[in-house]
Amino acid sequence: MDIRPATTTDLPEIQAIYAHHVLHGTGTFEEVPPSVEEMATRFAAGTARNWCWLVATDATGVLGFAFYAQHKDRSAYRFTAEDSVYVREDVRGQGVGKALVTRLLEHATARGFRQMVAVIGDAENVGSIGVHASLGFSHAGVLRAAGFKFGCWLDVVTMQRPLGPGDSDLPAG
């Protein structure tokens, strides 16, 4: 498996992976899969701000993708990133997600972020919760019945991990 920065040529496979999660999973609360063109817009917006988009690949193509963005757009959040990770269905549970998040953590730390937040759709998403916990994320809270998808209410689990010095000192800027 190779992990590298995503490129626009990866977007059709990224979109296909994400569309599967939109249509069949509760890890995302989107209900209509975005088009390749919409994914290209999201990719361009993130990379223009120097946020990281990664893909894991092998001879079969893109195995998964991950990215981070500033947690919220307000300036006070400029040192807090939020990660997203999605893995192709046939390779789930094989370490792809963990490898991608590990690299996101490295990139965000190098860019001066001090916290990484994971906003995990569905409290039953034990795979994502487990991956984040194994990488040092702590449980920060649950929003009960925050989403409604597939005819049922879904909780949102929030996890958080300090990056670099975290909050032990004040950041420059």
C-alpha atoms as a PDB file:
ATOM      1  CA  MET A   1       0.000   0.000   0.000  1.00  0.00           C
ATOM      2  CA  ASP A   2       1.231   3.458  -0.909  1.00  0.00           C
ATOM      3  CA  ILE A   3      -0.070   6.630   0.725  1.00  0.00           C
ATOM      4  CA  ARG A   4       0.363   9.811  -1.245  1.00  0.00           C
ATOM      5  CA  PRO A   5      -1.265  13.196  -1.822  1.00  0.00           C
ATOM      6  CA  ALA A   6      -4.493  12.858  -3.781  1.00  0.00           C
ATOM      7  CA  THR A   7      -4.649  14.313  -7.278  1.00  0.00           C
ATOM      8  CA  THR A   8      -7.528  15.256  -9.536  1.00  0.00           C
ATOM      9  CA  THR A   9      -7.067  11.974 -11.408  1.00  0.00           C
ATOM     10  CA  ASP A  10      -8.012  10.133  -8.188  1.00  0.00           C
ATOM     11  CA  LEU A  11     -11.344  11.930  -7.886  1.00  0.00           C
ATOM     12  CA  PRO A  12     -13.507   9.399  -9.779  1.00  0.00           C
ATOM     13  CA  GLU A  13     -12.359   6.613  -7.424  1.00  0.00           C
ATOM     14  CA  ILE A  14     -12.651   8.904  -4.386  1.00  0.00           C
ATOM     15  CA  GLN A  15     -16.190   9.788  -5.436  1.00  0.00           C
ATOM     16  CA  ALA A  16     -17.090   6.109  -5.915  1.00  0.00           C
ATOM     17  CA  ILE A  17     -15.822   5.201  -2.429  1.00  0.00           C
ATOM     18  CA  TYR A  18     -17.645   8.114  -0.865  1.00  0.00           C
ATOM     19  CA  ALA A  19     -20.852   7.427  -2.825  1.00  0.00           C
ATOM     20  CA  HIS A  20     -20.897   3.904  -1.391  1.00  0.00           C
ATOM     21  CA  HIS A  21     -20.656   5.305   2.144  1.00  0.00           C
ATOM     22  CA  VAL A  22     -23.373   7.889   1.433  1.00  0.00           C
ATOM     23  CA  LEU A  23     -25.760   5.268   0.036  1.00  0.00           C
ATOM     24  CA  HIS A  24     -25.037   2.391   2.422  1.00  0.00           C
ATOM     25  CA  GLY A  25     -23.460   3.755   5.589  1.00  0.00           C
ATOM     26  CA  THR A  26     -24.002   6.086   8.475  1.00  0.00           C
ATOM     27  CA  GLY A  27     -20.438   7.367   8.753  1.00  0.00           C
ATOM     28  CA  THR A  28     -21.536  10.347   6.693  1.00  0.00           C
ATOM     29  CA  PHE A  29     -24.843  12.104   7.077  1.00  0.00           C
ATOM     30  CA  GLU A  30     -25.018  13.078   3.422  1.00  0.00           C
ATOM     31  CA  GLU A  31     -27.898  11.266   1.749  1.00  0.00           C
ATOM     32  CA  VAL A  32     -27.241  12.031  -1.916  1.00  0.00           C
ATOM     33  CA  PRO A  33     -23.796  11.194  -3.277  1.00  0.00           C
ATOM     34  CA  PRO A  34     -21.959  14.240  -4.588  1.00  0.00           C
ATOM     35  CA  SER A  35     -20.876  14.105  -8.219  1.00  0.00           C
ATOM     36  CA  VAL A  36     -17.260  13.872  -9.314  1.00  0.00           C
ATOM     37  CA  GLU A  37     -17.519  17.567 -10.157  1.00  0.00           C
ATOM     38  CA  GLU A  38     -18.684  18.404  -6.621  1.00  0.00           C
ATOM     39  CA  MET A  39     -15.852  16.317  -5.162  1.00  0.00           C
ATOM     40  CA  ALA A  40     -13.467  18.281  -7.406  1.00  0.00           C
ATOM     41  CA  THR A  41     -14.838  21.527  -5.962  1.00  0.00           C
ATOM     42  CA  ARG A  42     -14.338  20.259  -2.409  1.00  0.00           C
ATOM     43  CA  PHE A  43     -10.843  19.002  -3.243  1.00  0.00           C
ATOM     44  CA  ALA A  44      -9.853  22.320  -4.837  1.00  0.00           C
ATOM     45  CA  ALA A  45     -11.194  24.328  -1.891  1.00  0.00           C
ATOM     46  CA  GLY A  46      -9.255  22.232   0.623  1.00  0.00           C
ATOM     47  CA  THR A  47      -5.989  22.053  -1.230  1.00  0.00           C
ATOM     48  CA  ALA A  48      -6.115  25.799  -1.959  1.00  0.00           C
ATOM     49  CA  ARG A  49      -5.959  26.333   1.817  1.00  0.00           C
ATOM     50  CA  ASN A  50      -3.043  23.891   2.107  1.00  0.00           C
ATOM     51  CA  TRP A  51      -5.171  21.279   3.811  1.00  0.00           C
ATOM     52  CA  CYS A  52      -4.220  17.706   3.120  1.00  0.00           C
ATOM     53  CA  TRP A  53      -6.069  15.186   0.931  1.00  0.00           C
ATOM     54  CA  LEU A  54      -4.467  11.726   0.826  1.00  0.00           C
ATOM     55  CA  VAL A  55      -5.149   8.454  -0.944  1.00  0.00           C
ATOM     56  CA  ALA A  56      -4.013   4.945  -0.131  1.00  0.00           C
ATOM     57  CA  THR A  57      -3.409   2.934  -3.282  1.00  0.00           C
ATOM     58  CA  ASP A  58      -2.218  -0.428  -4.476  1.00  0.00           C
ATOM     59  CA  ALA A  59      -2.329  -2.250  -7.799  1.00  0.00           C
ATOM     60  CA  THR A  60      -6.149  -2.375  -7.607  1.00  0.00           C
ATOM     61  CA  GLY A  61      -6.482   1.415  -7.380  1.00  0.00           C
ATOM     62  CA  VAL A  62      -7.563   3.743  -4.583  1.00  0.00           C
ATOM     63  CA  LEU A  63      -8.186   1.821  -1.343  1.00  0.00           C
ATOM     64  CA  GLY A  64      -9.308   4.820   0.663  1.00  0.00           C
ATOM     65  CA  PHE A  65      -8.975   8.529   1.067  1.00  0.00           C
ATOM     66  CA  ALA A  66      -8.714  10.974   3.917  1.00  0.00           C
ATOM     67  CA  PHE A  67      -8.526  14.697   4.363  1.00  0.00           C
ATOM     68  CA  TYR A  68      -8.621  17.369   6.999  1.00  0.00           C
ATOM     69  CA  ALA A  69      -9.992  20.866   7.066  1.00  0.00           C
ATOM     70  CA  GLN A  70     -10.182  23.569   9.668  1.00  0.00           C
ATOM     71  CA  HIS A  71     -12.820  22.391  12.152  1.00  0.00           C
ATOM     72  CA  LYS A  72     -15.022  25.447  11.587  1.00  0.00           C
ATOM     73  CA  ASP A  73     -14.494  28.498   9.433  1.00  0.00           C
ATOM     74  CA  ARG A  74     -14.313  31.064  12.236  1.00  0.00           C
ATOM     75  CA  SER A  75     -10.800  32.370  12.926  1.00  0.00           C
ATOM     76  CA  ALA A  76     -10.683  31.111  16.516  1.00  0.00           C
ATOM     77  CA  TYR A  77     -10.682  27.554  15.109  1.00  0.00           C
ATOM     78  CA  ARG A  78      -7.574  28.162  12.970  1.00  0.00           C
ATOM     79  CA  PHE A  79      -5.506  25.737  15.073  1.00  0.00           C
ATOM     80  CA  THR A  80      -8.110  22.948  15.131  1.00  0.00           C
ATOM     81  CA  ALA A  81      -8.474  20.512  12.249  1.00  0.00           C
ATOM     82  CA  GLU A  82     -11.221  17.962  11.603  1.00  0.00           C
ATOM     83  CA  ASP A  83     -10.410  14.720   9.832  1.00  0.00           C
ATOM     84  CA  SER A  84     -12.481  12.612   7.464  1.00  0.00           C
ATOM     85  CA  VAL A  85     -11.559   9.116   6.301  1.00  0.00           C
ATOM     86  CA  TYR A  86     -13.344   6.672   4.000  1.00  0.00           C
ATOM     87  CA  VAL A  87     -12.159   3.218   2.962  1.00  0.00           C
ATOM     88  CA  ARG A  88     -13.234   1.057   0.043  1.00  0.00           C
ATOM     89  CA  GLU A  89     -15.707  -1.557   1.258  1.00  0.00           C
ATOM     90  CA  ASP A  90     -13.652  -4.605   0.209  1.00  0.00           C
ATOM     91  CA  VAL A  91     -10.590  -3.538   2.241  1.00  0.00           C
ATOM     92  CA  ARG A  92     -12.205  -2.309   5.454  1.00  0.00           C
ATOM     93  CA  GLY A  93     -10.551  -3.603   8.620  1.00  0.00           C
ATOM     94  CA  GLN A  94      -7.152  -4.012   6.963  1.00  0.00           C
ATOM     95  CA  GLY A  95      -5.402  -0.944   8.372  1.00  0.00           C
ATOM     96  CA  VAL A  96      -6.026   1.434   5.476  1.00  0.00           C
ATOM     97  CA  GLY A  97      -7.975   3.956   7.554  1.00  0.00           C
ATOM     98  CA  LYS A  98      -5.456   3.923  10.390  1.00  0.00           C
ATOM     99  CA  ALA A  99      -2.558   4.477   8.001  1.00  0.00           C
ATOM    100  CA  LEU A 100      -4.366   7.401   6.368  1.00  0.00           C
ATOM    101  CA  VAL A 101      -5.268   9.092   9.663  1.00  0.00           C
ATOM    102  CA  THR A 102      -1.693   8.620  10.911  1.00  0.00           C
ATOM    103  CA  ARG A 103      -0.415  10.562   7.909  1.00  0.00           C
ATOM    104  CA  LEU A 104      -3.094  13.253   8.344  1.00  0.00           C
ATOM    105  CA  LEU A 105      -1.941  13.749  11.937  1.00  0.00           C
ATOM    106  CA  GLU A 106       1.649  14.198  10.774  1.00  0.00           C
ATOM    107  CA  HIS A 107       0.668  16.681   8.076  1.00  0.00           C
ATOM    108  CA  ALA A 108      -1.627  18.737  10.320  1.00  0.00           C
ATOM    109  CA  THR A 109       1.019  18.898  13.046  1.00  0.00           C
ATOM    110  CA  ALA A 110       3.617  20.096  10.538  1.00  0.00           C
ATOM    111  CA  ARG A 111       1.175  22.805   9.394  1.00  0.00           C
ATOM    112  CA  GLY A 112       0.807  24.150  12.931  1.00  0.00           C
ATOM    113  CA  PHE A 113      -2.533  22.695  13.932  1.00  0.00           C
ATOM    114  CA  ARG A 114      -2.762  22.019  17.676  1.00  0.00           C
ATOM    115  CA  GLN A 115      -5.876  19.810  17.863  1.00  0.00           C
ATOM    116  CA  MET A 116      -7.480  17.213  15.603  1.00  0.00           C
ATOM    117  CA  VAL A 117     -11.180  16.511  15.987  1.00  0.00           C
ATOM    118  CA  ALA A 118     -13.022  13.491  14.635  1.00  0.00           C
ATOM    119  CA  VAL A 119     -16.769  13.941  14.187  1.00  0.00           C
ATOM    120  CA  ILE A 120     -17.945  10.378  13.734  1.00  0.00           C
ATOM    121  CA  GLY A 121     -21.380   9.749  12.340  1.00  0.00           C
ATOM    122  CA  ASP A 122     -23.229   7.008  14.214  1.00  0.00           C
ATOM    123  CA  ALA A 123     -22.214   5.881  17.686  1.00  0.00           C
ATOM    124  CA  GLU A 124     -22.299   2.311  16.309  1.00  0.00           C
ATOM    125  CA  ASN A 125     -19.371   3.084  13.974  1.00  0.00           C
ATOM    126  CA  VAL A 126     -16.985   1.001  16.065  1.00  0.00           C
ATOM    127  CA  GLY A 127     -14.407   0.805  13.275  1.00  0.00           C
ATOM    128  CA  SER A 128     -13.847   4.546  13.084  1.00  0.00           C
ATOM    129  CA  ILE A 129     -14.103   4.997  16.846  1.00  0.00           C
ATOM    130  CA  GLY A 130     -11.537   2.216  17.337  1.00  0.00           C
ATOM    131  CA  VAL A 131      -9.119   3.606  14.751  1.00  0.00           C
ATOM    132  CA  HIS A 132      -9.222   7.045  16.318  1.00  0.00           C
ATOM    133  CA  ALA A 133      -8.859   5.675  19.863  1.00  0.00           C
ATOM    134  CA  SER A 134      -5.843   3.596  18.770  1.00  0.00           C
ATOM    135  CA  LEU A 135      -4.210   6.801  17.516  1.00  0.00           C
ATOM    136  CA  GLY A 136      -4.606   8.664  20.799  1.00  0.00           C
ATOM    137  CA  PHE A 137      -7.964  10.361  20.279  1.00  0.00           C
ATOM    138  CA  SER A 138     -10.073  10.711  23.418  1.00  0.00           C
ATOM    139  CA  HIS A 139     -13.829  10.661  23.664  1.00  0.00           C
ATOM    140  CA  ALA A 140     -15.006  14.294  23.824  1.00  0.00           C
ATOM    141  CA  GLY A 141     -18.768  13.879  23.675  1.00  0.00           C
ATOM    142  CA  VAL A 142     -21.881  12.537  22.002  1.00  0.00           C
ATOM    143  CA  LEU A 143     -24.611  14.494  20.285  1.00  0.00           C
ATOM    144  CA  ARG A 144     -27.686  12.332  20.784  1.00  0.00           C
ATOM    145  CA  ALA A 145     -30.046  11.884  17.833  1.00  0.00           C
ATOM    146  CA  ALA A 146     -28.252  14.616  15.866  1.00  0.00           C
ATOM    147  CA  GLY A 147     -28.858  12.984  12.498  1.00  0.00           C
ATOM    148  CA  PHE A 148     -31.701  11.141  10.808  1.00  0.00           C
ATOM    149  CA  LYS A 149     -30.817   8.699   8.043  1.00  0.00           C
ATOM    150  CA  PHE A 150     -32.252   5.389   6.821  1.00  0.00           C
ATOM    151  CA  GLY A 151     -35.349   5.963   8.934  1.00  0.00           C
ATOM    152  CA  CYS A 152     -33.618   6.204  12.298  1.00  0.00           C
ATOM    153  CA  TRP A 153     -32.011   8.726  14.613  1.00  0.00           C
ATOM    154  CA  LEU A 154     -28.226   8.638  14.775  1.00  0.00           C
ATOM    155  CA  ASP A 155     -25.826   9.905  17.404  1.00  0.00           C
ATOM    156  CA  VAL A 156     -22.598  11.717  16.572  1.00  0.00           C
ATOM    157  CA  VAL A 157     -19.452  10.838  18.510  1.00  0.00           C
ATOM    158  CA  THR A 158     -16.788  13.523  18.889  1.00  0.00           C
ATOM    159  CA  MET A 159     -13.196  12.546  19.599  1.00  0.00           C
ATOM    160  CA  GLN A 160     -10.182  14.819  19.993  1.00  0.00           C
ATOM    161  CA  ARG A 161      -6.407  14.530  19.963  1.00  0.00           C
ATOM    162  CA  PRO A 162      -3.778  17.172  20.706  1.00  0.00           C
ATOM    163  CA  LEU A 163      -1.149  17.759  18.024  1.00  0.00           C
ATOM    164  CA  GLY A 164       2.420  18.793  18.726  1.00  0.00           C
ATOM    165  CA  PRO A 165       2.455  20.815  21.949  1.00  0.00           C
ATOM    166  CA  GLY A 166      -1.357  20.941  21.992  1.00  0.00           C
ATOM    167  CA  ASP A 167      -2.480  23.592  24.442  1.00  0.00           C
ATOM    168  CA  SER A 168       0.697  23.558  26.567  1.00  0.00           C
ATOM    169  CA  ASP A 169       1.788  26.898  25.116  1.00  0.00           C
ATOM    170  CA  LEU A 170       0.460  29.654  22.890  1.00  0.00           C
ATOM    171  CA  PRO A 171       0.784  29.232  19.131  1.00  0.00           C
ATOM    172  CA  ALA A 172       2.579  31.768  16.975  1.00  0.00           C
ATOM    173  CA  GLY A 173      -0.030  33.788  15.104  1.00  0.00           C
END
